[in-house]
Amino acid sequence: MTSTYKIQVFDDGNQEYEQISNIWHITDTVQRGGKLILRNVQDPSIVINTISAWKVLKITPPPPNSDYFFQQ
């Protein structure tokens, strides 16, 4: 299972993503892991091309068959 993450700090131009599902996958890292590229789990067409790693928190996996991923 792929780990999921949520954004804790929406700033530096990423405020537009506060209104969508805050569940993300890391697709790549840059600057030695200091920056991340994220893809939204609910809408994979939404990609954040750069966000500082410290602004993102790993989420404990939800129970099986949970609708957690689609709650905002």
PDB file of N, CA and C in Angstrom:
ATOM      1  N   MET A   1       0.853  -1.194   0.000  1.00  0.00           N
ATOM      2  CA  MET A   1       0.000   0.000   0.000  1.00  0.00           C
ATOM      3  C   MET A   1       0.888   1.243   0.000  1.00  0.00           C
ATOM      4  N   THR A   2       0.553   2.191  -0.839  1.00  0.00           N
ATOM      5  CA  THR A   2       1.285   3.446  -0.921  1.00  0.00           C
ATOM      6  C   THR A   2       0.939   4.328   0.274  1.00  0.00           C
ATOM      7  N   SER A   3       1.956   4.949   0.854  1.00  0.00           N
ATOM      8  CA  SER A   3       1.714   5.849   1.983  1.00  0.00           C
ATOM      9  C   SER A   3       0.945   7.075   1.522  1.00  0.00           C
ATOM     10  N   THR A   4       0.142   7.608   2.417  1.00  0.00           N
ATOM     11  CA  THR A   4      -0.610   8.822   2.128  1.00  0.00           C
ATOM     12  C   THR A   4      -0.169   9.923   3.079  1.00  0.00           C
ATOM     13  N   TYR A   5      -0.375  11.153   2.627  1.00  0.00           N
ATOM     14  CA  TYR A   5       0.100  12.320   3.354  1.00  0.00           C
ATOM     15  C   TYR A   5      -0.967  13.404   3.325  1.00  0.00           C
ATOM     16  N   LYS A   6      -0.876  14.335   4.276  1.00  0.00           N
ATOM     17  CA  LYS A   6      -1.736  15.511   4.252  1.00  0.00           C
ATOM     18  C   LYS A   6      -0.849  16.738   4.404  1.00  0.00           C
ATOM     19  N   ILE A   7      -1.322  17.835   3.834  1.00  0.00           N
ATOM     20  CA  ILE A   7      -0.598  19.098   3.924  1.00  0.00           C
ATOM     21  C   ILE A   7      -1.022  19.781   5.210  1.00  0.00           C
ATOM     22  N   GLN A   8      -0.047  20.189   5.999  1.00  0.00           N
ATOM     23  CA  GLN A   8      -0.322  20.888   7.254  1.00  0.00           C
ATOM     24  C   GLN A   8      -0.256  22.402   7.089  1.00  0.00           C
ATOM     25  N   VAL A   9       0.588  22.881   6.176  1.00  0.00           N
ATOM     26  CA  VAL A   9       0.781  24.320   5.988  1.00  0.00           C
ATOM     27  C   VAL A   9       0.516  24.655   4.525  1.00  0.00           C
ATOM     28  N   PHE A  10      -0.557  25.389   4.292  1.00  0.00           N
ATOM     29  CA  PHE A  10      -0.911  25.843   2.945  1.00  0.00           C
ATOM     30  C   PHE A  10      -0.467  27.293   2.797  1.00  0.00           C
ATOM     31  N   ASP A  11       0.684  27.493   2.197  1.00  0.00           N
ATOM     32  CA  ASP A  11       1.149  28.853   1.905  1.00  0.00           C
ATOM     33  C   ASP A  11       1.997  28.802   0.629  1.00  0.00           C
ATOM     34  N   ASP A  12       2.675  29.872   0.328  1.00  0.00           N
ATOM     35  CA  ASP A  12       3.551  29.928  -0.854  1.00  0.00           C
ATOM     36  C   ASP A  12       2.829  29.534  -2.141  1.00  0.00           C
ATOM     37  N   GLY A  13       1.584  29.989  -2.296  1.00  0.00           N
ATOM     38  CA  GLY A  13       0.852  29.717  -3.525  1.00  0.00           C
ATOM     39  C   GLY A  13       0.060  28.429  -3.520  1.00  0.00           C
ATOM     40  N   ASN A  14       0.097  27.678  -2.450  1.00  0.00           N
ATOM     41  CA  ASN A  14      -0.646  26.414  -2.388  1.00  0.00           C
ATOM     42  C   ASN A  14      -1.994  26.544  -1.686  1.00  0.00           C
ATOM     43  N   GLN A  15      -2.414  27.761  -1.376  1.00  0.00           N
ATOM     44  CA  GLN A  15      -3.692  27.973  -0.693  1.00  0.00           C
ATOM     45  C   GLN A  15      -4.875  27.477  -1.518  1.00  0.00           C
ATOM     46  N   GLU A  16      -4.749  27.474  -2.833  1.00  0.00           N
ATOM     47  CA  GLU A  16      -5.853  27.028  -3.692  1.00  0.00           C
ATOM     48  C   GLU A  16      -6.230  25.567  -3.446  1.00  0.00           C
ATOM     49  N   TYR A  17      -5.337  24.789  -2.834  1.00  0.00           N
ATOM     50  CA  TYR A  17      -5.601  23.371  -2.593  1.00  0.00           C
ATOM     51  C   TYR A  17      -6.264  23.096  -1.251  1.00  0.00           C
ATOM     52  N   GLU A  18      -6.496  24.120  -0.464  1.00  0.00           N
ATOM     53  CA  GLU A  18      -7.135  23.934   0.851  1.00  0.00           C
ATOM     54  C   GLU A  18      -8.571  23.447   0.738  1.00  0.00           C
ATOM     55  N   GLN A  19      -9.234  23.713  -0.377  1.00  0.00           N
ATOM     56  CA  GLN A  19     -10.660  23.399  -0.521  1.00  0.00           C
ATOM     57  C   GLN A  19     -10.918  22.011  -1.109  1.00  0.00           C
ATOM     58  N   ILE A  20      -9.861  21.270  -1.427  1.00  0.00           N
ATOM     59  CA  ILE A  20     -10.055  19.925  -1.979  1.00  0.00           C
ATOM     60  C   ILE A  20      -9.635  18.881  -0.948  1.00  0.00           C
ATOM     61  N   SER A  21      -9.874  17.630  -1.254  1.00  0.00           N
ATOM     62  CA  SER A  21      -9.484  16.532  -0.376  1.00  0.00           C
ATOM     63  C   SER A  21      -7.990  16.633  -0.060  1.00  0.00           C
ATOM     64  N   ASN A  22      -7.650  16.610   1.210  1.00  0.00           N
ATOM     65  CA  ASN A  22      -6.264  16.796   1.644  1.00  0.00           C
ATOM     66  C   ASN A  22      -5.578  15.449   1.884  1.00  0.00           C
ATOM     67  N   ILE A  23      -5.620  14.592   0.883  1.00  0.00           N
ATOM     68  CA  ILE A  23      -4.955  13.293   0.929  1.00  0.00           C
ATOM     69  C   ILE A  23      -4.096  13.193  -0.330  1.00  0.00           C
ATOM     70  N   TRP A  24      -2.796  12.961  -0.133  1.00  0.00           N
ATOM     71  CA  TRP A  24      -1.825  13.056  -1.228  1.00  0.00           C
ATOM     72  C   TRP A  24      -0.870  11.872  -1.232  1.00  0.00           C
ATOM     73  N   HIS A  25      -0.338  11.592  -2.420  1.00  0.00           N
ATOM     74  CA  HIS A  25       0.780  10.668  -2.565  1.00  0.00           C
ATOM     75  C   HIS A  25       1.989  11.479  -2.984  1.00  0.00           C
ATOM     76  N   ILE A  26       3.159  11.099  -2.499  1.00  0.00           N
ATOM     77  CA  ILE A  26       4.401  11.705  -2.961  1.00  0.00           C
ATOM     78  C   ILE A  26       4.799  10.993  -4.241  1.00  0.00           C
ATOM     79  N   THR A  27       4.987  11.759  -5.314  1.00  0.00           N
ATOM     80  CA  THR A  27       5.389  11.155  -6.583  1.00  0.00           C
ATOM     81  C   THR A  27       6.877  11.308  -6.846  1.00  0.00           C
ATOM     82  N   ASP A  28       7.505  12.290  -6.181  1.00  0.00           N
ATOM     83  CA  ASP A  28       8.939  12.485  -6.362  1.00  0.00           C
ATOM     84  C   ASP A  28       9.458  13.430  -5.290  1.00  0.00           C
ATOM     85  N   THR A  29      10.766  13.438  -5.113  1.00  0.00           N
ATOM     86  CA  THR A  29      11.411  14.380  -4.208  1.00  0.00           C
ATOM     87  C   THR A  29      12.481  15.134  -4.979  1.00  0.00           C
ATOM     88  N   VAL A  30      12.739  16.368  -4.563  1.00  0.00           N
ATOM     89  CA  VAL A  30      13.804  17.179  -5.148  1.00  0.00           C
ATOM     90  C   VAL A  30      14.570  17.855  -4.017  1.00  0.00           C
ATOM     91  N   GLN A  31      15.695  18.432  -4.357  1.00  0.00           N
ATOM     92  CA  GLN A  31      16.548  19.104  -3.379  1.00  0.00           C
ATOM     93  C   GLN A  31      16.854  18.205  -2.186  1.00  0.00           C
ATOM     94  N   ARG A  32      17.314  16.983  -2.494  1.00  0.00           N
ATOM     95  CA  ARG A  32      17.687  15.998  -1.463  1.00  0.00           C
ATOM     96  C   ARG A  32      16.549  15.689  -0.494  1.00  0.00           C
ATOM     97  N   GLY A  33      15.340  15.685  -0.982  1.00  0.00           N
ATOM     98  CA  GLY A  33      14.185  15.354  -0.158  1.00  0.00           C
ATOM     99  C   GLY A  33      13.574  16.539   0.566  1.00  0.00           C
ATOM    100  N   GLY A  34      14.154  17.712   0.393  1.00  0.00           N
ATOM    101  CA  GLY A  34      13.633  18.905   1.051  1.00  0.00           C
ATOM    102  C   GLY A  34      12.346  19.431   0.433  1.00  0.00           C
ATOM    103  N   LYS A  35      12.112  19.088  -0.820  1.00  0.00           N
ATOM    104  CA  LYS A  35      10.893  19.482  -1.530  1.00  0.00           C
ATOM    105  C   LYS A  35      10.232  18.224  -2.081  1.00  0.00           C
ATOM    106  N   LEU A  36       8.904  18.251  -2.139  1.00  0.00           N
ATOM    107  CA  LEU A  36       8.132  17.113  -2.611  1.00  0.00           C
ATOM    108  C   LEU A  36       7.264  17.495  -3.790  1.00  0.00           C
ATOM    109  N   ILE A  37       6.962  16.513  -4.613  1.00  0.00           N
ATOM    110  CA  ILE A  37       5.941  16.637  -5.652  1.00  0.00           C
ATOM    111  C   ILE A  37       4.808  15.720  -5.219  1.00  0.00           C
ATOM    112  N   LEU A  38       3.594  16.279  -5.132  1.00  0.00           N
ATOM    113  CA  LEU A  38       2.439  15.538  -4.623  1.00  0.00           C
ATOM    114  C   LEU A  38       1.366  15.377  -5.687  1.00  0.00           C
ATOM    115  N   ARG A  39       0.652  14.247  -5.624  1.00  0.00           N
ATOM    116  CA  ARG A  39      -0.518  13.999  -6.478  1.00  0.00           C
ATOM    117  C   ARG A  39      -1.693  13.709  -5.562  1.00  0.00           C
ATOM    118  N   ASN A  40      -2.824  14.376  -5.819  1.00  0.00           N
ATOM    119  CA  ASN A  40      -4.012  14.208  -4.992  1.00  0.00           C
ATOM    120  C   ASN A  40      -4.605  12.822  -5.207  1.00  0.00           C
ATOM    121  N   VAL A  41      -4.994  12.157  -4.113  1.00  0.00           N
ATOM    122  CA  VAL A  41      -5.539  10.804  -4.188  1.00  0.00           C
ATOM    123  C   VAL A  41      -6.922  10.803  -4.832  1.00  0.00           C
ATOM    124  N   GLN A  42      -7.776  11.728  -4.442  1.00  0.00           N
ATOM    125  CA  GLN A  42      -9.146  11.745  -4.963  1.00  0.00           C
ATOM    126  C   GLN A  42      -9.198  12.204  -6.413  1.00  0.00           C
ATOM    127  N   ASP A  43      -8.363  13.178  -6.782  1.00  0.00           N
ATOM    128  CA  ASP A  43      -8.332  13.691  -8.152  1.00  0.00           C
ATOM    129  C   ASP A  43      -6.885  13.704  -8.639  1.00  0.00           C
ATOM    130  N   PRO A  44      -6.417  12.588  -9.218  1.00  0.00           N
ATOM    131  CA  PRO A  44      -5.019  12.470  -9.629  1.00  0.00           C
ATOM    132  C   PRO A  44      -4.568  13.492 -10.678  1.00  0.00           C
ATOM    133  N   SER A  45      -5.493  14.224 -11.264  1.00  0.00           N
ATOM    134  CA  SER A  45      -5.078  15.262 -12.209  1.00  0.00           C
ATOM    135  C   SER A  45      -4.506  16.483 -11.482  1.00  0.00           C
ATOM    136  N   ILE A  46      -4.694  16.547 -10.160  1.00  0.00           N
ATOM    137  CA  ILE A  46      -4.181  17.669  -9.367  1.00  0.00           C
ATOM    138  C   ILE A  46      -2.804  17.303  -8.832  1.00  0.00           C
ATOM    139  N   VAL A  47      -1.814  18.090  -9.242  1.00  0.00           N
ATOM    140  CA  VAL A  47      -0.428  17.858  -8.851  1.00  0.00           C
ATOM    141  C   VAL A  47       0.135  19.148  -8.272  1.00  0.00           C
ATOM    142  N   ILE A  48       0.808  19.031  -7.141  1.00  0.00           N
ATOM    143  CA  ILE A  48       1.569  20.156  -6.589  1.00  0.00           C
ATOM    144  C   ILE A  48       3.021  19.889  -6.963  1.00  0.00           C
ATOM    145  N   ASN A  49       3.589  20.780  -7.760  1.00  0.00           N
ATOM    146  CA  ASN A  49       4.925  20.557  -8.303  1.00  0.00           C
ATOM    147  C   ASN A  49       6.056  20.830  -7.327  1.00  0.00           C
ATOM    148  N   THR A  50       5.786  21.555  -6.273  1.00  0.00           N
ATOM    149  CA  THR A  50       6.815  21.745  -5.251  1.00  0.00           C
ATOM    150  C   THR A  50       6.181  22.243  -3.954  1.00  0.00           C
ATOM    151  N   ILE A  51       6.531  21.537  -2.879  1.00  0.00           N
ATOM    152  CA  ILE A  51       6.120  21.948  -1.541  1.00  0.00           C
ATOM    153  C   ILE A  51       7.203  21.449  -0.583  1.00  0.00           C
ATOM    154  N   SER A  52       7.530  22.242   0.406  1.00  0.00           N
ATOM    155  CA  SER A  52       8.553  21.850   1.378  1.00  0.00           C
ATOM    156  C   SER A  52       8.094  20.623   2.157  1.00  0.00           C
ATOM    157  N   ALA A  53       9.012  19.693   2.363  1.00  0.00           N
ATOM    158  CA  ALA A  53       8.686  18.438   3.045  1.00  0.00           C
ATOM    159  C   ALA A  53       8.168  18.661   4.460  1.00  0.00           C
ATOM    160  N   TRP A  54       8.636  19.687   5.143  1.00  0.00           N
ATOM    161  CA  TRP A  54       8.213  19.909   6.532  1.00  0.00           C
ATOM    162  C   TRP A  54       6.741  20.333   6.632  1.00  0.00           C
ATOM    163  N   LYS A  55       6.130  20.724   5.516  1.00  0.00           N
ATOM    164  CA  LYS A  55       4.727  21.144   5.508  1.00  0.00           C
ATOM    165  C   LYS A  55       3.762  19.974   5.346  1.00  0.00           C
ATOM    166  N   VAL A  56       4.299  18.767   5.176  1.00  0.00           N
ATOM    167  CA  VAL A  56       3.504  17.586   4.857  1.00  0.00           C
ATOM    168  C   VAL A  56       3.679  16.544   5.967  1.00  0.00           C
ATOM    169  N   LEU A  57       2.576  15.889   6.336  1.00  0.00           N
ATOM    170  CA  LEU A  57       2.580  14.907   7.411  1.00  0.00           C
ATOM    171  C   LEU A  57       2.059  13.568   6.897  1.00  0.00           C
ATOM    172  N   LYS A  58       2.769  12.494   7.223  1.00  0.00           N
ATOM    173  CA  LYS A  58       2.311  11.158   6.846  1.00  0.00           C
ATOM    174  C   LYS A  58       1.065  10.808   7.652  1.00  0.00           C
ATOM    175  N   ILE A  59       0.100  10.200   6.985  1.00  0.00           N
ATOM    176  CA  ILE A  59      -1.171   9.822   7.610  1.00  0.00           C
ATOM    177  C   ILE A  59      -1.139   8.329   7.923  1.00  0.00           C
ATOM    178  N   THR A  60      -1.595   7.979   9.120  1.00  0.00           N
ATOM    179  CA  THR A  60      -1.742   6.574   9.465  1.00  0.00           C
ATOM    180  C   THR A  60      -2.823   5.984   8.565  1.00  0.00           C
ATOM    181  N   PRO A  61      -2.582   4.815   7.996  1.00  0.00           N
ATOM    182  CA  PRO A  61      -3.591   4.249   7.088  1.00  0.00           C
ATOM    183  C   PRO A  61      -4.944   4.078   7.777  1.00  0.00           C
ATOM    184  N   PRO A  62      -6.025   4.377   7.077  1.00  0.00           N
ATOM    185  CA  PRO A  62      -7.364   4.178   7.628  1.00  0.00           C
ATOM    186  C   PRO A  62      -7.728   2.698   7.630  1.00  0.00           C
ATOM    187  N   PRO A  63      -8.765   2.321   8.354  1.00  0.00           N
ATOM    188  CA  PRO A  63      -9.205   0.921   8.338  1.00  0.00           C
ATOM    189  C   PRO A  63      -9.642   0.513   6.936  1.00  0.00           C
ATOM    190  N   PRO A  64      -9.540  -0.777   6.611  1.00  0.00           N
ATOM    191  CA  PRO A  64      -9.998  -1.249   5.295  1.00  0.00           C
ATOM    192  C   PRO A  64     -11.464  -0.887   5.057  1.00  0.00           C
ATOM    193  N   ASN A  65     -11.800  -0.646   3.808  1.00  0.00           N
ATOM    194  CA  ASN A  65     -13.162  -0.298   3.379  1.00  0.00           C
ATOM    195  C   ASN A  65     -13.655   1.010   3.971  1.00  0.00           C
ATOM    196  N   SER A  66     -12.769   1.866   4.379  1.00  0.00           N
ATOM    197  CA  SER A  66     -13.144   3.163   4.943  1.00  0.00           C
ATOM    198  C   SER A  66     -13.376   4.159   3.823  1.00  0.00           C
ATOM    199  N   ASP A  67     -14.301   5.095   4.036  1.00  0.00           N
ATOM    200  CA  ASP A  67     -14.502   6.164   3.059  1.00  0.00           C
ATOM    201  C   ASP A  67     -13.672   7.385   3.434  1.00  0.00           C
ATOM    202  N   TYR A  68     -12.695   7.208   4.307  1.00  0.00           N
ATOM    203  CA  TYR A  68     -11.843   8.283   4.807  1.00  0.00           C
ATOM    204  C   TYR A  68     -11.235   9.122   3.688  1.00  0.00           C
ATOM    205  N   PHE A  69     -10.784   8.469   2.617  1.00  0.00           N
ATOM    206  CA  PHE A  69     -10.097   9.187   1.543  1.00  0.00           C
ATOM    207  C   PHE A  69     -10.993  10.209   0.856  1.00  0.00           C
ATOM    208  N   PHE A  70     -12.280  10.044   0.937  1.00  0.00           N
ATOM    209  CA  PHE A  70     -13.165  10.933   0.220  1.00  0.00           C
ATOM    210  C   PHE A  70     -13.891  11.924   1.128  1.00  0.00           C
ATOM    211  N   GLN A  71     -13.430  12.011   2.361  1.00  0.00           N
ATOM    212  CA  GLN A  71     -13.947  13.030   3.272  1.00  0.00           C
ATOM    213  C   GLN A  71     -13.017  14.218   3.215  1.00  0.00           C
ATOM    214  N   GLN A  72     -13.565  15.420   3.391  1.00  0.00           N
ATOM    215  CA  GLN A  72     -12.726  16.609   3.363  1.00  0.00           C
ATOM    216  C   GLN A  72     -12.531  17.133   4.744  1.00  0.00           C
TER     217      GLN A  72
END
